[in-house]
C-alpha atoms as a PDB file:
ATOM      1  CA  MET A   1      58.838  29.193  36.118  1.00  0.00           C
ATOM      2  CA  THR A   2      57.458  28.944  32.599  1.00  0.00           C
ATOM      3  CA  PHE A   3      58.380  31.170  29.698  1.00  0.00           C
ATOM      4  CA  GLY A   4      56.799  31.446  26.259  1.00  0.00           C
ATOM      5  CA  ILE A   5      58.345  30.101  23.088  1.00  0.00           C
ATOM      6  CA  SER A   6      60.093  32.609  20.832  1.00  0.00           C
ATOM      7  CA  VAL A   7      60.102  31.756  17.141  1.00  0.00           C
ATOM      8  CA  LEU A   8      62.232  33.421  14.454  1.00  0.00           C
ATOM      9  CA  TYR A   9      61.475  32.868  10.776  1.00  0.00           C
ATOM     10  CA  ILE A  10      64.142  33.360   8.069  1.00  0.00           C
ATOM     11  CA  CYS A  11      63.346  32.568   4.415  1.00  0.00           C
ATOM     12  CA  LEU A  12      65.867  30.301   2.663  1.00  0.00           C
ATOM     13  CA  SER A  13      65.495  27.436   0.217  1.00  0.00           C
ATOM     14  CA  PHE A  14      66.722  23.943   1.099  1.00  0.00           C
ATOM     15  CA  SER A  15      66.109  20.607  -0.506  1.00  0.00           C
ATOM     16  CA  ARG A  16      65.839  18.422   2.657  1.00  0.00           C
ATOM     17  CA  TYR A  17      64.365  18.530   6.119  1.00  0.00           C
ATOM     18  CA  ILE A  18      67.056  18.902   8.806  1.00  0.00           C
ATOM     19  CA  GLN A  19      66.696  19.250  12.578  1.00  0.00           C
ATOM     20  CA  VAL A  20      69.620  20.322  14.736  1.00  0.00           C
ATOM     21  CA  GLY A  21      69.278  20.580  18.513  1.00  0.00           C
ATOM     22  CA  ILE A  22      71.733  22.398  20.752  1.00  0.00           C
ATOM     23  CA  GLY A  23      70.718  22.480  24.409  1.00  0.00           C
ATOM     24  CA  LYS A  24      67.467  24.405  24.659  1.00  0.00           C
ATOM     25  CA  VAL A  25      67.688  25.771  21.089  1.00  0.00           C
ATOM     26  CA  SER A  26      66.414  23.733  18.173  1.00  0.00           C
ATOM     27  CA  LEU A  27      66.894  24.663  14.519  1.00  0.00           C
ATOM     28  CA  LEU A  28      64.427  23.390  11.959  1.00  0.00           C
ATOM     29  CA  LEU A  29      64.976  23.619   8.217  1.00  0.00           C
ATOM     30  CA  ASN A  30      61.663  23.128   6.484  1.00  0.00           C
ATOM     31  CA  PRO A  31      61.992  22.692   2.673  1.00  0.00           C
ATOM     32  CA  PRO A  32      58.348  23.007   1.546  1.00  0.00           C
ATOM     33  CA  LYS A  33      58.175  26.625   2.641  1.00  0.00           C
ATOM     34  CA  GLY A  34      61.962  27.118   2.588  1.00  0.00           C
ATOM     35  CA  LYS A  35      62.045  28.605   6.099  1.00  0.00           C
ATOM     36  CA  ILE A  36      64.462  28.259   8.979  1.00  0.00           C
ATOM     37  CA  ILE A  37      62.651  28.169  12.301  1.00  0.00           C
ATOM     38  CA  ILE A  38      64.658  28.714  15.476  1.00  0.00           C
ATOM     39  CA  LYS A  39      62.708  27.858  18.609  1.00  0.00           C
ATOM     40  CA  MET A  40      63.947  28.976  22.021  1.00  0.00           C
ATOM     41  CA  LYS A  41      62.174  26.518  24.300  1.00  0.00           C
ATOM     42  CA  GLN A  42      62.934  28.406  27.477  1.00  0.00           C
ATOM     43  CA  LEU A  43      64.550  31.785  27.851  1.00  0.00           C
ATOM     44  CA  SER A  44      65.754  32.053  31.420  1.00  0.00           C
ATOM     45  CA  ASN A  45      68.588  32.989  33.699  1.00  0.00           C
ATOM     46  CA  ARG A  46      70.140  29.547  34.216  1.00  0.00           C
ATOM     47  CA  VAL A  47      73.576  28.463  35.461  1.00  0.00           C
ATOM     48  CA  HIS A  48      75.062  24.943  35.518  1.00  0.00           C
ATOM     49  CA  LEU A  49      78.418  24.439  37.261  1.00  0.00           C
ATOM     50  CA  ILE A  50      80.587  21.458  38.186  1.00  0.00           C
ATOM     51  CA  GLY A  51      83.499  22.053  40.531  1.00  0.00           C
ATOM     52  CA  SER A  52      85.078  21.510  43.937  1.00  0.00           C
ATOM     53  CA  LEU A  53      84.207  23.226  47.200  1.00  0.00           C
ATOM     54  CA  GLY A  54      86.913  25.635  48.334  1.00  0.00           C
ATOM     55  CA  ALA A  55      85.725  25.742  51.955  1.00  0.00           C
ATOM     56  CA  ASP A  56      83.199  24.155  54.289  1.00  0.00           C
ATOM     57  CA  PRO A  57      79.699  25.672  53.950  1.00  0.00           C
ATOM     58  CA  GLU A  58      78.984  28.825  55.980  1.00  0.00           C
ATOM     59  CA  ILE A  59      75.526  28.407  57.517  1.00  0.00           C
ATOM     60  CA  THR A  60      73.372  31.362  58.614  1.00  0.00           C
ATOM     61  CA  GLU A  61      70.100  30.966  60.507  1.00  0.00           C
ATOM     62  CA  PHE A  62      67.741  33.926  60.374  1.00  0.00           C
ATOM     63  CA  GLU A  63      65.244  35.115  63.032  1.00  0.00           C
ATOM     64  CA  ASN A  64      62.327  33.598  61.130  1.00  0.00           C
ATOM     65  CA  GLY A  65      64.042  30.167  61.261  1.00  0.00           C
ATOM     66  CA  SER A  66      65.105  29.978  57.605  1.00  0.00           C
ATOM     67  CA  LEU A  67      68.577  28.699  56.759  1.00  0.00           C
ATOM     68  CA  MET A  68      71.063  29.979  54.206  1.00  0.00           C
ATOM     69  CA  ALA A  69      74.311  28.281  53.185  1.00  0.00           C
ATOM     70  CA  ARG A  70      77.101  30.162  51.416  1.00  0.00           C
ATOM     71  CA  LEU A  71      79.436  27.942  49.399  1.00  0.00           C
ATOM     72  CA  SER A  72      82.654  28.719  47.569  1.00  0.00           C
ATOM     73  CA  LEU A  73      83.045  26.676  44.371  1.00  0.00           C
ATOM     74  CA  VAL A  74      86.084  26.517  42.089  1.00  0.00           C
ATOM     75  CA  THR A  75      85.806  25.434  38.456  1.00  0.00           C
ATOM     76  CA  ASN A  76      88.825  24.564  36.327  1.00  0.00           C
ATOM     77  CA  GLU A  77      89.272  25.269  32.633  1.00  0.00           C
ATOM     78  CA  LEU A  78      92.139  23.914  30.520  1.00  0.00           C
ATOM     79  CA  ILE A  79      93.488  26.637  28.213  1.00  0.00           C
ATOM     80  CA  CYS A  80      95.692  25.789  25.216  1.00  0.00           C
ATOM     81  CA  GLU A  81      97.805  28.801  24.266  1.00  0.00           C
ATOM     82  CA  ARG A  82      99.165  29.566  20.803  1.00  0.00           C
ATOM     83  CA  ASN A  83     102.677  28.399  21.735  1.00  0.00           C
ATOM     84  CA  GLY A  84     101.300  24.956  22.696  1.00  0.00           C
ATOM     85  CA  CYS A  85     101.481  25.441  26.478  1.00  0.00           C
ATOM     86  CA  LYS A  86      98.513  24.182  28.452  1.00  0.00           C
ATOM     87  CA  THR A  87      97.493  26.064  31.577  1.00  0.00           C
ATOM     88  CA  ILE A  88      94.636  25.624  34.010  1.00  0.00           C
ATOM     89  CA  ARG A  89      92.508  28.674  34.764  1.00  0.00           C
ATOM     90  CA  ASN A  90      90.524  28.596  37.998  1.00  0.00           C
ATOM     91  CA  GLN A  91      87.272  30.518  38.412  1.00  0.00           C
ATOM     92  CA  TRP A  92      85.739  31.042  41.869  1.00  0.00           C
ATOM     93  CA  HIS A  93      81.972  31.225  42.277  1.00  0.00           C
ATOM     94  CA  THR A  94      79.870  32.156  45.311  1.00  0.00           C
ATOM     95  CA  LEU A  95      76.829  29.910  45.729  1.00  0.00           C
ATOM     96  CA  ILE A  96      73.796  30.699  47.902  1.00  0.00           C
ATOM     97  CA  VAL A  97      71.545  27.852  49.052  1.00  0.00           C
ATOM     98  CA  TRP A  98      68.266  28.299  50.959  1.00  0.00           C
ATOM     99  CA  GLY A  99      65.943  26.189  53.115  1.00  0.00           C
ATOM    100  CA  ARG A 100      66.056  22.400  53.340  1.00  0.00           C
ATOM    101  CA  LEU A 101      68.841  22.223  50.740  1.00  0.00           C
ATOM    102  CA  ALA A 102      70.965  24.523  52.967  1.00  0.00           C
ATOM    103  CA  GLU A 103      70.443  22.109  55.875  1.00  0.00           C
ATOM    104  CA  ILE A 104      71.590  19.203  53.684  1.00  0.00           C
ATOM    105  CA  CYS A 105      74.660  21.237  52.661  1.00  0.00           C
ATOM    106  CA  SER A 106      75.566  21.809  56.316  1.00  0.00           C
ATOM    107  CA  ARG A 107      75.420  18.076  57.029  1.00  0.00           C
ATOM    108  CA  TYR A 108      77.059  16.498  53.986  1.00  0.00           C
ATOM    109  CA  LEU A 109      79.254  19.023  52.156  1.00  0.00           C
ATOM    110  CA  TYR A 110      82.904  19.676  53.012  1.00  0.00           C
ATOM    111  CA  ILE A 111      85.999  21.267  51.501  1.00  0.00           C
ATOM    112  CA  GLY A 112      87.283  19.484  48.392  1.00  0.00           C
ATOM    113  CA  LEU A 113      84.013  17.683  47.578  1.00  0.00           C
ATOM    114  CA  GLU A 114      83.123  17.764  43.875  1.00  0.00           C
ATOM    115  CA  ILE A 115      79.541  18.897  43.244  1.00  0.00           C
ATOM    116  CA  ALA A 116      77.249  19.857  40.363  1.00  0.00           C
ATOM    117  CA  VAL A 117      74.777  22.712  40.806  1.00  0.00           C
ATOM    118  CA  GLU A 118      71.935  24.250  38.830  1.00  0.00           C
ATOM    119  CA  GLY A 119      70.633  27.690  39.694  1.00  0.00           C
ATOM    120  CA  HIS A 120      70.299  31.272  38.537  1.00  0.00           C
ATOM    121  CA  LEU A 121      72.634  34.256  38.560  1.00  0.00           C
ATOM    122  CA  VAL A 122      71.936  37.124  40.963  1.00  0.00           C
ATOM    123  CA  TYR A 123      73.753  40.475  41.126  1.00  0.00           C
ATOM    124  CA  ARG A 124      73.909  42.435  44.395  1.00  0.00           C
ATOM    125  CA  SER A 125      75.328  45.878  45.058  1.00  0.00           C
ATOM    126  CA  ILE A 126      77.149  46.389  48.361  1.00  0.00           C
ATOM    127  CA  THR A 127      79.068  49.259  49.943  1.00  0.00           C
ATOM    128  CA  ASP A 128      82.335  48.291  51.635  1.00  0.00           C
ATOM    129  CA  SER A 129      83.917  49.923  54.723  1.00  0.00           C
ATOM    130  CA  ASN A 130      85.703  52.523  52.537  1.00  0.00           C
ATOM    131  CA  GLY A 131      82.371  53.707  51.122  1.00  0.00           C
ATOM    132  CA  SER A 132      82.960  52.360  47.624  1.00  0.00           C
ATOM    133  CA  SER A 133      80.175  50.470  45.878  1.00  0.00           C
ATOM    134  CA  LYS A 134      80.810  46.960  44.552  1.00  0.00           C
ATOM    135  CA  ILE A 135      78.673  44.578  42.537  1.00  0.00           C
ATOM    136  CA  LEU A 136      78.719  40.895  43.508  1.00  0.00           C
ATOM    137  CA  ALA A 137      77.624  38.017  41.289  1.00  0.00           C
ATOM    138  CA  GLU A 138      76.223  34.988  43.115  1.00  0.00           C
ATOM    139  CA  VAL A 139      74.523  31.806  41.997  1.00  0.00           C
ATOM    140  CA  THR A 140      71.307  30.994  43.874  1.00  0.00           C
ATOM    141  CA  VAL A 141      71.181  27.186  43.818  1.00  0.00           C
ATOM    142  CA  ASN A 142      67.970  25.315  42.920  1.00  0.00           C
ATOM    143  CA  ASP A 143      69.459  21.812  42.658  1.00  0.00           C
ATOM    144  CA  LEU A 144      72.684  20.218  43.884  1.00  0.00           C
ATOM    145  CA  SER A 145      74.332  16.818  43.322  1.00  0.00           C
ATOM    146  CA  MET A 146      77.381  15.366  45.033  1.00  0.00           C
ATOM    147  CA  ILE A 147      79.728  13.862  42.467  1.00  0.00           C
ATOM    148  CA  SER A 148      82.781  12.646  44.370  1.00  0.00           C
ATOM    149  CA  ARG A 149      82.711   9.894  46.937  1.00  0.00           C
ATOM    150  CA  ARG A 150      82.402  10.317  50.661  1.00  0.00           C
ATOM    151  CA  ARG A 151      85.323  11.367  52.795  1.00  0.00           C
ATOM    152  CA  ALA A 152      87.653   8.490  53.780  1.00  0.00           C
ATOM    153  CA  GLY A 153      87.588   7.445  57.414  1.00  0.00           C
END
């Protein structure tokens, strides 16, 4: 998917040329015209996660032969509180993998394996057995890398 480049101009005066890059955003300070130019190279719904699998992949095969793998990924974040205590906050993410990548997940992924994924965020609305509506957030995976070593034995 390709997106256009958004450019924002703000007039300021600076004496030197400076370029600062942060991820997909680059900031240019151009002294001759005295303008700040912020270029967003790609505006997109993109998610990057590194974590451990909380369960073995759940594989679903559909009537048309396509495969889907549902993965449960936990990410850990170290939080330093004001009193100096450090705690670990766990976040659980549901990952959806399709096609050939789902087949690879069924063969090589297992509980506890550390992986890195790149994908996009998808929201779905479901109705549970009580009739209440819920919104689920899932990451549809485009790319996956295994980080930790193979299982011993």
